[in-house]
């Protein structure tokens, strides 16, 4: 059995990941779940970069950009987690809808 995975297959999986990430960002009220949605969006972009590199449409730059996106995602997760912990300490909640109470 010869199984050939093409560029289209990678793009379909990436589109599914991106759609799930957007759904997670838009529909969730919990800040941790919103962070997970953002991570799914960034991973779908990484999958696109690596797929285009693999199928010869880019040089090695796709993989280099993917590594930078992973570094950016790690830094973003650390900063956002610190913000969420600070919000939880101040308001005893992590719901995004209740963050506007910080103005008071």
PDB file of N, CA and C in Angstrom:
ATOM      1  N   UNK A   1       0.845  -1.175   0.000  1.00  0.00           N
ATOM      2  CA  UNK A   1       0.000   0.000   0.000  1.00  0.00           C
ATOM      3  C   UNK A   1       0.893   1.243   0.000  1.00  0.00           C
ATOM      4  N   UNK A   2       0.711   2.076  -0.975  1.00  0.00           N
ATOM      5  CA  UNK A   2       1.509   3.288  -1.125  1.00  0.00           C
ATOM      6  C   UNK A   2       0.681   4.479  -0.669  1.00  0.00           C
ATOM      7  N   UNK A   3       1.081   5.058   0.450  1.00  0.00           N
ATOM      8  CA  UNK A   3       0.362   6.203   0.999  1.00  0.00           C
ATOM      9  C   UNK A   3       1.165   7.464   0.711  1.00  0.00           C
ATOM     10  N   UNK A   4       0.588   8.350  -0.076  1.00  0.00           N
ATOM     11  CA  UNK A   4       1.267   9.602  -0.426  1.00  0.00           C
ATOM     12  C   UNK A   4       0.535  10.768   0.236  1.00  0.00           C
ATOM     13  N   UNK A   5       1.246  11.473   1.070  1.00  0.00           N
ATOM     14  CA  UNK A   5       0.690  12.650   1.734  1.00  0.00           C
ATOM     15  C   UNK A   5       1.206  13.871   1.000  1.00  0.00           C
ATOM     16  N   UNK A   6       0.284  14.634   0.458  1.00  0.00           N
ATOM     17  CA  UNK A   6       0.674  15.792  -0.333  1.00  0.00           C
ATOM     18  C   UNK A   6       0.499  17.099   0.423  1.00  0.00           C
ATOM     19  N   UNK A   7       0.799  18.166  -0.271  1.00  0.00           N
ATOM     20  CA  UNK A   7       0.682  19.501   0.307  1.00  0.00           C
ATOM     21  C   UNK A   7      -0.762  19.806   0.681  1.00  0.00           C
ATOM     22  N   UNK A   8      -1.698  19.349  -0.118  1.00  0.00           N
ATOM     23  CA  UNK A   8      -3.111  19.600   0.156  1.00  0.00           C
ATOM     24  C   UNK A   8      -3.531  19.003   1.493  1.00  0.00           C
ATOM     25  N   UNK A   9      -3.025  17.832   1.818  1.00  0.00           N
ATOM     26  CA  UNK A   9      -3.360  17.203   3.096  1.00  0.00           C
ATOM     27  C   UNK A   9      -2.870  18.037   4.276  1.00  0.00           C
ATOM     28  N   UNK A  10      -1.655  18.561   4.150  1.00  0.00           N
ATOM     29  CA  UNK A  10      -1.129  19.424   5.211  1.00  0.00           C
ATOM     30  C   UNK A  10      -1.957  20.696   5.348  1.00  0.00           C
ATOM     31  N   UNK A  11      -2.348  21.269   4.219  1.00  0.00           N
ATOM     32  CA  UNK A  11      -3.135  22.500   4.263  1.00  0.00           C
ATOM     33  C   UNK A  11      -4.521  22.267   4.847  1.00  0.00           C
ATOM     34  N   UNK A  12      -5.104  21.109   4.603  1.00  0.00           N
ATOM     35  CA  UNK A  12      -6.416  20.782   5.180  1.00  0.00           C
ATOM     36  C   UNK A  12      -6.308  20.637   6.695  1.00  0.00           C
ATOM     37  N   UNK A  13      -5.278  19.926   7.152  1.00  0.00           N
ATOM     38  CA  UNK A  13      -5.083  19.778   8.598  1.00  0.00           C
ATOM     39  C   UNK A  13      -4.809  21.134   9.241  1.00  0.00           C
ATOM     40  N   UNK A  14      -4.025  21.967   8.564  1.00  0.00           N
ATOM     41  CA  UNK A  14      -3.739  23.299   9.080  1.00  0.00           C
ATOM     42  C   UNK A  14      -4.997  24.150   9.144  1.00  0.00           C
ATOM     43  N   UNK A  15      -5.855  24.051   8.147  1.00  0.00           N
ATOM     44  CA  UNK A  15      -7.105  24.819   8.154  1.00  0.00           C
ATOM     45  C   UNK A  15      -8.023  24.354   9.279  1.00  0.00           C
ATOM     46  N   UNK A  16      -8.036  23.059   9.541  1.00  0.00           N
ATOM     47  CA  UNK A  16      -8.848  22.533  10.648  1.00  0.00           C
ATOM     48  C   UNK A  16      -8.310  23.050  11.977  1.00  0.00           C
ATOM     49  N   UNK A  17      -6.986  23.004  12.161  1.00  0.00           N
ATOM     50  CA  UNK A  17      -6.387  23.533  13.387  1.00  0.00           C
ATOM     51  C   UNK A  17      -6.673  25.027  13.557  1.00  0.00           C
ATOM     52  N   UNK A  18      -6.565  25.776  12.467  1.00  0.00           N
ATOM     53  CA  UNK A  18      -6.834  27.210  12.527  1.00  0.00           C
ATOM     54  C   UNK A  18      -8.294  27.475  12.897  1.00  0.00           C
ATOM     55  N   UNK A  19      -9.202  26.715  12.304  1.00  0.00           N
ATOM     56  CA  UNK A  19     -10.629  26.891  12.603  1.00  0.00           C
ATOM     57  C   UNK A  19     -10.933  26.554  14.056  1.00  0.00           C
ATOM     58  N   UNK A  20     -10.346  25.488  14.564  1.00  0.00           N
ATOM     59  CA  UNK A  20     -10.545  25.138  15.971  1.00  0.00           C
ATOM     60  C   UNK A  20      -9.961  26.201  16.892  1.00  0.00           C
ATOM     61  N   UNK A  21      -8.828  26.780  16.518  1.00  0.00           N
ATOM     62  CA  UNK A  21      -8.231  27.846  17.310  1.00  0.00           C
ATOM     63  C   UNK A  21      -9.097  29.090  17.338  1.00  0.00           C
ATOM     64  N   UNK A  22      -9.630  29.483  16.184  1.00  0.00           N
ATOM     65  CA  UNK A  22     -10.521  30.645  16.131  1.00  0.00           C
ATOM     66  C   UNK A  22     -11.782  30.375  16.947  1.00  0.00           C
ATOM     67  N   UNK A  23     -12.324  29.174  16.836  1.00  0.00           N
ATOM     68  CA  UNK A  23     -13.505  28.813  17.619  1.00  0.00           C
ATOM     69  C   UNK A  23     -13.203  28.895  19.118  1.00  0.00           C
ATOM     70  N   UNK A  24     -12.037  28.430  19.520  1.00  0.00           N
ATOM     71  CA  UNK A  24     -11.658  28.478  20.922  1.00  0.00           C
ATOM     72  C   UNK A  24     -11.466  29.894  21.430  1.00  0.00           C
ATOM     73  N   UNK A  25     -10.935  30.777  20.604  1.00  0.00           N
ATOM     74  CA  UNK A  25     -10.730  32.164  21.023  1.00  0.00           C
ATOM     75  C   UNK A  25     -12.056  32.904  21.119  1.00  0.00           C
ATOM     76  N   UNK A  26     -12.943  32.673  20.164  1.00  0.00           N
ATOM     77  CA  UNK A  26     -14.186  33.431  20.096  1.00  0.00           C
ATOM     78  C   UNK A  26     -15.213  32.972  21.128  1.00  0.00           C
ATOM     79  N   UNK A  27     -15.288  31.673  21.374  1.00  0.00           N
ATOM     80  CA  UNK A  27     -16.391  31.168  22.190  1.00  0.00           C
ATOM     81  C   UNK A  27     -16.061  30.975  23.661  1.00  0.00           C
ATOM     82  N   UNK A  28     -14.823  30.928  24.018  1.00  0.00           N
ATOM     83  CA  UNK A  28     -14.468  30.636  25.411  1.00  0.00           C
ATOM     84  C   UNK A  28     -14.403  31.896  26.247  1.00  0.00           C
ATOM     85  N   UNK A  29     -14.803  31.757  27.496  1.00  0.00           N
ATOM     86  CA  UNK A  29     -14.715  32.861  28.444  1.00  0.00           C
ATOM     87  C   UNK A  29     -13.510  32.704  29.369  1.00  0.00           C
ATOM     88  N   UNK A  30     -13.006  31.507  29.483  1.00  0.00           N
ATOM     89  CA  UNK A  30     -11.864  31.238  30.341  1.00  0.00           C
ATOM     90  C   UNK A  30     -10.582  31.669  29.627  1.00  0.00           C
ATOM     91  N   UNK A  31      -9.745  32.436  30.298  1.00  0.00           N
ATOM     92  CA  UNK A  31      -8.536  32.973  29.680  1.00  0.00           C
ATOM     93  C   UNK A  31      -7.552  31.864  29.294  1.00  0.00           C
ATOM     94  N   UNK A  32      -7.506  30.796  30.056  1.00  0.00           N
ATOM     95  CA  UNK A  32      -6.604  29.690  29.725  1.00  0.00           C
ATOM     96  C   UNK A  32      -7.053  29.012  28.426  1.00  0.00           C
ATOM     97  N   UNK A  33      -8.355  28.869  28.237  1.00  0.00           N
ATOM     98  CA  UNK A  33      -8.857  28.265  27.002  1.00  0.00           C
ATOM     99  C   UNK A  33      -8.609  29.182  25.797  1.00  0.00           C
ATOM    100  N   UNK A  34      -8.698  30.488  26.006  1.00  0.00           N
ATOM    101  CA  UNK A  34      -8.374  31.428  24.933  1.00  0.00           C
ATOM    102  C   UNK A  34      -6.899  31.293  24.567  1.00  0.00           C
ATOM    103  N   UNK A  35      -6.039  31.144  25.565  1.00  0.00           N
ATOM    104  CA  UNK A  35      -4.612  30.940  25.308  1.00  0.00           C
ATOM    105  C   UNK A  35      -4.384  29.660  24.506  1.00  0.00           C
ATOM    106  N   UNK A  36      -5.105  28.611  24.816  1.00  0.00           N
ATOM    107  CA  UNK A  36      -4.961  27.361  24.057  1.00  0.00           C
ATOM    108  C   UNK A  36      -5.420  27.539  22.612  1.00  0.00           C
ATOM    109  N   UNK A  37      -6.455  28.350  22.393  1.00  0.00           N
ATOM    110  CA  UNK A  37      -6.903  28.637  21.033  1.00  0.00           C
ATOM    111  C   UNK A  37      -5.849  29.392  20.245  1.00  0.00           C
ATOM    112  N   UNK A  38      -5.189  30.351  20.891  1.00  0.00           N
ATOM    113  CA  UNK A  38      -4.116  31.098  20.232  1.00  0.00           C
ATOM    114  C   UNK A  38      -2.962  30.171  19.879  1.00  0.00           C
ATOM    115  N   UNK A  39      -2.664  29.240  20.761  1.00  0.00           N
ATOM    116  CA  UNK A  39      -1.593  28.273  20.479  1.00  0.00           C
ATOM    117  C   UNK A  39      -1.956  27.388  19.283  1.00  0.00           C
ATOM    118  N   UNK A  40      -3.218  27.012  19.152  1.00  0.00           N
ATOM    119  CA  UNK A  40      -3.638  26.227  17.984  1.00  0.00           C
ATOM    120  C   UNK A  40      -3.463  27.024  16.698  1.00  0.00           C
ATOM    121  N   UNK A  41      -3.783  28.314  16.743  1.00  0.00           N
ATOM    122  CA  UNK A  41      -3.613  29.161  15.564  1.00  0.00           C
ATOM    123  C   UNK A  41      -2.143  29.252  15.175  1.00  0.00           C
ATOM    124  N   UNK A  42      -1.273  29.443  16.156  1.00  0.00           N
ATOM    125  CA  UNK A  42       0.160  29.521  15.864  1.00  0.00           C
ATOM    126  C   UNK A  42       0.700  28.185  15.341  1.00  0.00           C
ATOM    127  N   UNK A  43       0.200  27.076  15.871  1.00  0.00           N
ATOM    128  CA  UNK A  43       0.648  25.765  15.387  1.00  0.00           C
ATOM    129  C   UNK A  43       0.179  25.496  13.965  1.00  0.00           C
ATOM    130  N   UNK A  44      -0.999  26.002  13.611  1.00  0.00           N
ATOM    131  CA  UNK A  44      -1.451  25.832  12.224  1.00  0.00           C
ATOM    132  C   UNK A  44      -0.551  26.629  11.275  1.00  0.00           C
ATOM    133  N   UNK A  45      -0.109  27.800  11.707  1.00  0.00           N
ATOM    134  CA  UNK A  45       0.832  28.573  10.882  1.00  0.00           C
ATOM    135  C   UNK A  45       2.161  27.825  10.751  1.00  0.00           C
ATOM    136  N   UNK A  46       2.627  27.230  11.849  1.00  0.00           N
ATOM    137  CA  UNK A  46       3.869  26.444  11.791  1.00  0.00           C
ATOM    138  C   UNK A  46       3.749  25.276  10.825  1.00  0.00           C
ATOM    139  N   UNK A  47       2.615  24.619  10.854  1.00  0.00           N
ATOM    140  CA  UNK A  47       2.397  23.493   9.950  1.00  0.00           C
ATOM    141  C   UNK A  47       2.452  23.951   8.499  1.00  0.00           C
ATOM    142  N   UNK A  48       1.896  25.110   8.213  1.00  0.00           N
ATOM    143  CA  UNK A  48       1.984  25.653   6.852  1.00  0.00           C
ATOM    144  C   UNK A  48       3.424  25.947   6.460  1.00  0.00           C
ATOM    145  N   UNK A  49       4.184  26.584   7.351  1.00  0.00           N
ATOM    146  CA  UNK A  49       5.581  26.899   7.044  1.00  0.00           C
ATOM    147  C   UNK A  49       6.379  25.638   6.748  1.00  0.00           C
ATOM    148  N   UNK A  50       6.227  24.630   7.586  1.00  0.00           N
ATOM    149  CA  UNK A  50       6.991  23.392   7.406  1.00  0.00           C
ATOM    150  C   UNK A  50       6.536  22.642   6.159  1.00  0.00           C
ATOM    151  N   UNK A  51       5.229  22.646   5.881  1.00  0.00           N
ATOM    152  CA  UNK A  51       4.723  21.957   4.691  1.00  0.00           C
ATOM    153  C   UNK A  51       5.236  22.620   3.415  1.00  0.00           C
ATOM    154  N   UNK A  52       5.225  23.951   3.377  1.00  0.00           N
ATOM    155  CA  UNK A  52       5.730  24.632   2.185  1.00  0.00           C
ATOM    156  C   UNK A  52       7.234  24.437   2.025  1.00  0.00           C
ATOM    157  N   UNK A  53       7.951  24.329   3.138  1.00  0.00           N
ATOM    158  CA  UNK A  53       9.372  24.027   3.052  1.00  0.00           C
ATOM    159  C   UNK A  53       9.593  22.619   2.530  1.00  0.00           C
ATOM    160  N   UNK A  54       8.802  21.676   3.011  1.00  0.00           N
ATOM    161  CA  UNK A  54       8.951  20.270   2.617  1.00  0.00           C
ATOM    162  C   UNK A  54       8.698  20.057   1.129  1.00  0.00           C
ATOM    163  N   UNK A  55       7.717  20.755   0.592  1.00  0.00           N
ATOM    164  CA  UNK A  55       7.362  20.529  -0.800  1.00  0.00           C
ATOM    165  C   UNK A  55       8.045  21.493  -1.757  1.00  0.00           C
ATOM    166  N   UNK A  56       9.107  22.146  -1.298  1.00  0.00           N
ATOM    167  CA  UNK A  56       9.989  22.874  -2.179  1.00  0.00           C
ATOM    168  C   UNK A  56       9.528  24.244  -2.602  1.00  0.00           C
ATOM    169  N   UNK A  57       8.484  24.765  -2.013  1.00  0.00           N
ATOM    170  CA  UNK A  57       8.038  26.090  -2.395  1.00  0.00           C
ATOM    171  C   UNK A  57       8.787  27.179  -1.644  1.00  0.00           C
ATOM    172  N   UNK A  58       9.506  26.795  -0.610  1.00  0.00           N
ATOM    173  CA  UNK A  58      10.362  27.716   0.136  1.00  0.00           C
ATOM    174  C   UNK A  58      11.688  26.999   0.360  1.00  0.00           C
ATOM    175  N   UNK A  59      12.699  27.750   0.698  1.00  0.00           N
ATOM    176  CA  UNK A  59      13.957  27.119   1.082  1.00  0.00           C
ATOM    177  C   UNK A  59      13.838  26.677   2.535  1.00  0.00           C
ATOM    178  N   UNK A  60      14.919  26.718   3.235  1.00  0.00           N
ATOM    179  CA  UNK A  60      14.922  26.351   4.649  1.00  0.00           C
ATOM    180  C   UNK A  60      14.266  27.423   5.513  1.00  0.00           C
ATOM    181  N   UNK A  61      13.901  28.543   4.919  1.00  0.00           N
ATOM    182  CA  UNK A  61      13.357  29.668   5.689  1.00  0.00           C
ATOM    183  C   UNK A  61      12.053  29.320   6.386  1.00  0.00           C
ATOM    184  N   UNK A  62      11.265  28.426   5.847  1.00  0.00           N
ATOM    185  CA  UNK A  62      10.010  28.037   6.482  1.00  0.00           C
ATOM    186  C   UNK A  62      10.237  27.389   7.831  1.00  0.00           C
ATOM    187  N   UNK A  63      11.228  26.534   7.918  1.00  0.00           N
ATOM    188  CA  UNK A  63      11.535  25.890   9.191  1.00  0.00           C
ATOM    189  C   UNK A  63      12.141  26.869  10.181  1.00  0.00           C
ATOM    190  N   UNK A  64      12.930  27.814   9.691  1.00  0.00           N
ATOM    191  CA  UNK A  64      13.509  28.828  10.573  1.00  0.00           C
ATOM    192  C   UNK A  64      12.406  29.710  11.140  1.00  0.00           C
ATOM    193  N   UNK A  65      11.460  30.104  10.302  1.00  0.00           N
ATOM    194  CA  UNK A  65      10.336  30.919  10.771  1.00  0.00           C
ATOM    195  C   UNK A  65       9.499  30.129  11.763  1.00  0.00           C
ATOM    196  N   UNK A  66       9.310  28.840  11.531  1.00  0.00           N
ATOM    197  CA  UNK A  66       8.543  27.999  12.454  1.00  0.00           C
ATOM    198  C   UNK A  66       9.214  27.955  13.828  1.00  0.00           C
ATOM    199  N   UNK A  67      10.534  27.880  13.861  1.00  0.00           N
ATOM    200  CA  UNK A  67      11.247  27.892  15.147  1.00  0.00           C
ATOM    201  C   UNK A  67      11.043  29.227  15.853  1.00  0.00           C
ATOM    202  N   UNK A  68      11.095  30.330  15.103  1.00  0.00           N
ATOM    203  CA  UNK A  68      10.857  31.634  15.715  1.00  0.00           C
ATOM    204  C   UNK A  68       9.428  31.756  16.228  1.00  0.00           C
ATOM    205  N   UNK A  69       8.471  31.185  15.518  1.00  0.00           N
ATOM    206  CA  UNK A  69       7.075  31.215  15.980  1.00  0.00           C
ATOM    207  C   UNK A  69       6.929  30.396  17.255  1.00  0.00           C
ATOM    208  N   UNK A  70       7.631  29.278  17.361  1.00  0.00           N
ATOM    209  CA  UNK A  70       7.589  28.478  18.591  1.00  0.00           C
ATOM    210  C   UNK A  70       8.175  29.265  19.756  1.00  0.00           C
ATOM    211  N   UNK A  71       9.268  29.969  19.513  1.00  0.00           N
ATOM    212  CA  UNK A  71       9.866  30.805  20.567  1.00  0.00           C
ATOM    213  C   UNK A  71       8.916  31.918  20.962  1.00  0.00           C
ATOM    214  N   UNK A  72       8.290  32.544  19.978  1.00  0.00           N
ATOM    215  CA  UNK A  72       7.308  33.600  20.248  1.00  0.00           C
ATOM    216  C   UNK A  72       6.121  33.056  21.036  1.00  0.00           C
ATOM    217  N   UNK A  73       5.664  31.861  20.695  1.00  0.00           N
ATOM    218  CA  UNK A  73       4.531  31.265  21.410  1.00  0.00           C
ATOM    219  C   UNK A  73       4.889  30.947  22.854  1.00  0.00           C
ATOM    220  N   UNK A  74       6.102  30.514  23.094  1.00  0.00           N
ATOM    221  CA  UNK A  74       6.519  30.223  24.467  1.00  0.00           C
ATOM    222  C   UNK A  74       6.588  31.507  25.293  1.00  0.00           C
ATOM    223  N   UNK A  75       7.135  32.570  24.706  1.00  0.00           N
ATOM    224  CA  UNK A  75       7.203  33.845  25.420  1.00  0.00           C
ATOM    225  C   UNK A  75       5.806  34.409  25.654  1.00  0.00           C
ATOM    226  N   UNK A  76       4.954  34.306  24.649  1.00  0.00           N
ATOM    227  CA  UNK A  76       3.576  34.791  24.774  1.00  0.00           C
ATOM    228  C   UNK A  76       2.818  34.017  25.842  1.00  0.00           C
ATOM    229  N   UNK A  77       3.031  32.718  25.910  1.00  0.00           N
ATOM    230  CA  UNK A  77       2.352  31.906  26.922  1.00  0.00           C
ATOM    231  C   UNK A  77       2.818  32.277  28.323  1.00  0.00           C
ATOM    232  N   UNK A  78       4.106  32.531  28.479  1.00  0.00           N
ATOM    233  CA  UNK A  78       4.627  32.897  29.800  1.00  0.00           C
ATOM    234  C   UNK A  78       4.077  34.241  30.258  1.00  0.00           C
ATOM    235  N   UNK A  79       4.057  35.227  29.360  1.00  0.00           N
ATOM    236  CA  UNK A  79       3.544  36.554  29.722  1.00  0.00           C
ATOM    237  C   UNK A  79       2.048  36.499  29.998  1.00  0.00           C
ATOM    238  N   UNK A  80       1.308  35.818  29.140  1.00  0.00           N
ATOM    239  CA  UNK A  80      -0.141  35.743  29.333  1.00  0.00           C
ATOM    240  C   UNK A  80      -0.494  34.964  30.588  1.00  0.00           C
ATOM    241  N   UNK A  81       0.261  33.933  30.902  1.00  0.00           N
ATOM    242  CA  UNK A  81      -0.004  33.185  32.125  1.00  0.00           C
ATOM    243  C   UNK A  81       0.263  34.038  33.357  1.00  0.00           C
ATOM    244  N   UNK A  82       1.297  34.870  33.310  1.00  0.00           N
ATOM    245  CA  UNK A  82       1.559  35.791  34.422  1.00  0.00           C
ATOM    246  C   UNK A  82       0.412  36.794  34.569  1.00  0.00           C
ATOM    247  N   UNK A  83      -0.108  37.276  33.450  1.00  0.00           N
ATOM    248  CA  UNK A  83      -1.238  38.206  33.499  1.00  0.00           C
ATOM    249  C   UNK A  83      -2.470  37.520  34.064  1.00  0.00           C
ATOM    250  N   UNK A  84      -2.729  36.295  33.634  1.00  0.00           N
ATOM    251  CA  UNK A  84      -3.897  35.552  34.126  1.00  0.00           C
ATOM    252  C   UNK A  84      -3.772  35.285  35.623  1.00  0.00           C
ATOM    253  N   UNK A  85      -2.582  34.940  36.084  1.00  0.00           N
ATOM    254  CA  UNK A  85      -2.389  34.718  37.518  1.00  0.00           C
ATOM    255  C   UNK A  85      -2.601  35.997  38.313  1.00  0.00           C
ATOM    256  N   UNK A  86      -2.172  37.134  37.771  1.00  0.00           N
ATOM    257  CA  UNK A  86      -2.391  38.410  38.431  1.00  0.00           C
ATOM    258  C   UNK A  86      -3.882  38.752  38.475  1.00  0.00           C
ATOM    259  N   UNK A  87      -4.590  38.501  37.379  1.00  0.00           N
ATOM    260  CA  UNK A  87      -6.039  38.740  37.357  1.00  0.00           C
ATOM    261  C   UNK A  87      -6.734  37.835  38.356  1.00  0.00           C
ATOM    262  N   UNK A  88      -6.313  36.572  38.436  1.00  0.00           N
ATOM    263  CA  UNK A  88      -6.931  35.651  39.393  1.00  0.00           C
ATOM    264  C   UNK A  88      -6.667  36.101  40.825  1.00  0.00           C
ATOM    265  N   UNK A  89      -5.488  36.632  41.082  1.00  0.00           N
ATOM    266  CA  UNK A  89      -5.160  37.108  42.426  1.00  0.00           C
ATOM    267  C   UNK A  89      -6.012  38.327  42.785  1.00  0.00           C
ATOM    268  N   UNK A  90      -6.266  39.211  41.818  1.00  0.00           N
ATOM    269  CA  UNK A  90      -7.034  40.422  42.088  1.00  0.00           C
ATOM    270  C   UNK A  90      -8.535  40.172  42.148  1.00  0.00           C
ATOM    271  N   UNK A  91      -9.065  39.335  41.216  1.00  0.00           N
ATOM    272  CA  UNK A  91     -10.511  39.179  41.062  1.00  0.00           C
ATOM    273  C   UNK A  91     -11.045  37.805  41.440  1.00  0.00           C
ATOM    274  N   UNK A  92     -10.182  36.843  41.711  1.00  0.00           N
ATOM    275  CA  UNK A  92     -10.569  35.462  42.009  1.00  0.00           C
ATOM    276  C   UNK A  92     -11.371  34.835  40.871  1.00  0.00           C
ATOM    277  N   UNK A  93     -11.065  35.182  39.650  1.00  0.00           N
ATOM    278  CA  UNK A  93     -11.693  34.593  38.481  1.00  0.00           C
ATOM    279  C   UNK A  93     -10.732  34.687  37.304  1.00  0.00           C
ATOM    280  N   UNK A  94     -10.944  33.817  36.325  1.00  0.00           N
ATOM    281  CA  UNK A  94     -10.154  33.888  35.095  1.00  0.00           C
ATOM    282  C   UNK A  94     -11.062  34.089  33.885  1.00  0.00           C
ATOM    283  N   UNK A  95     -12.306  34.487  34.115  1.00  0.00           N
ATOM    284  CA  UNK A  95     -13.223  34.765  33.013  1.00  0.00           C
ATOM    285  C   UNK A  95     -12.838  36.061  32.339  1.00  0.00           C
ATOM    286  N   UNK A  96     -12.777  36.021  31.022  1.00  0.00           N
ATOM    287  CA  UNK A  96     -12.365  37.180  30.253  1.00  0.00           C
ATOM    288  C   UNK A  96     -13.414  38.291  30.345  1.00  0.00           C
ATOM    289  N   UNK A  97     -14.685  37.936  30.500  1.00  0.00           N
ATOM    290  CA  UNK A  97     -15.753  38.932  30.573  1.00  0.00           C
ATOM    291  C   UNK A  97     -15.663  39.803  31.817  1.00  0.00           C
ATOM    292  N   UNK A  98     -15.054  39.314  32.874  1.00  0.00           N
ATOM    293  CA  UNK A  98     -15.002  40.046  34.131  1.00  0.00           C
ATOM    294  C   UNK A  98     -13.722  40.863  34.297  1.00  0.00           C
ATOM    295  N   UNK A  99     -12.891  40.906  33.276  1.00  0.00           N
ATOM    296  CA  UNK A  99     -11.635  41.630  33.368  1.00  0.00           C
ATOM    297  C   UNK A  99     -11.881  43.146  33.354  1.00  0.00           C
ATOM    298  N   UNK A 100     -13.007  43.583  32.813  1.00  0.00           N
ATOM    299  CA  UNK A 100     -13.279  45.026  32.783  1.00  0.00           C
ATOM    300  C   UNK A 100     -13.476  45.612  34.184  1.00  0.00           C
ATOM    301  N   UNK A 101     -13.602  44.759  35.192  1.00  0.00           N
ATOM    302  CA  UNK A 101     -13.705  45.234  36.580  1.00  0.00           C
ATOM    303  C   UNK A 101     -12.383  45.786  37.094  1.00  0.00           C
ATOM    304  N   UNK A 102     -11.279  45.553  36.378  1.00  0.00           N
ATOM    305  CA  UNK A 102      -9.988  46.074  36.787  1.00  0.00           C
ATOM    306  C   UNK A 102      -9.917  47.590  36.675  1.00  0.00           C
ATOM    307  N   UNK A 103     -10.819  48.188  35.894  1.00  0.00           N
ATOM    308  CA  UNK A 103     -10.840  49.645  35.744  1.00  0.00           C
ATOM    309  C   UNK A 103     -11.202  50.321  37.052  1.00  0.00           C
ATOM    310  N   UNK A 104     -12.018  49.680  37.837  1.00  0.00           N
ATOM    311  CA  UNK A 104     -12.524  50.292  39.092  1.00  0.00           C
ATOM    312  C   UNK A 104     -11.494  50.326  40.176  1.00  0.00           C
TER     313      UNK A 104
END
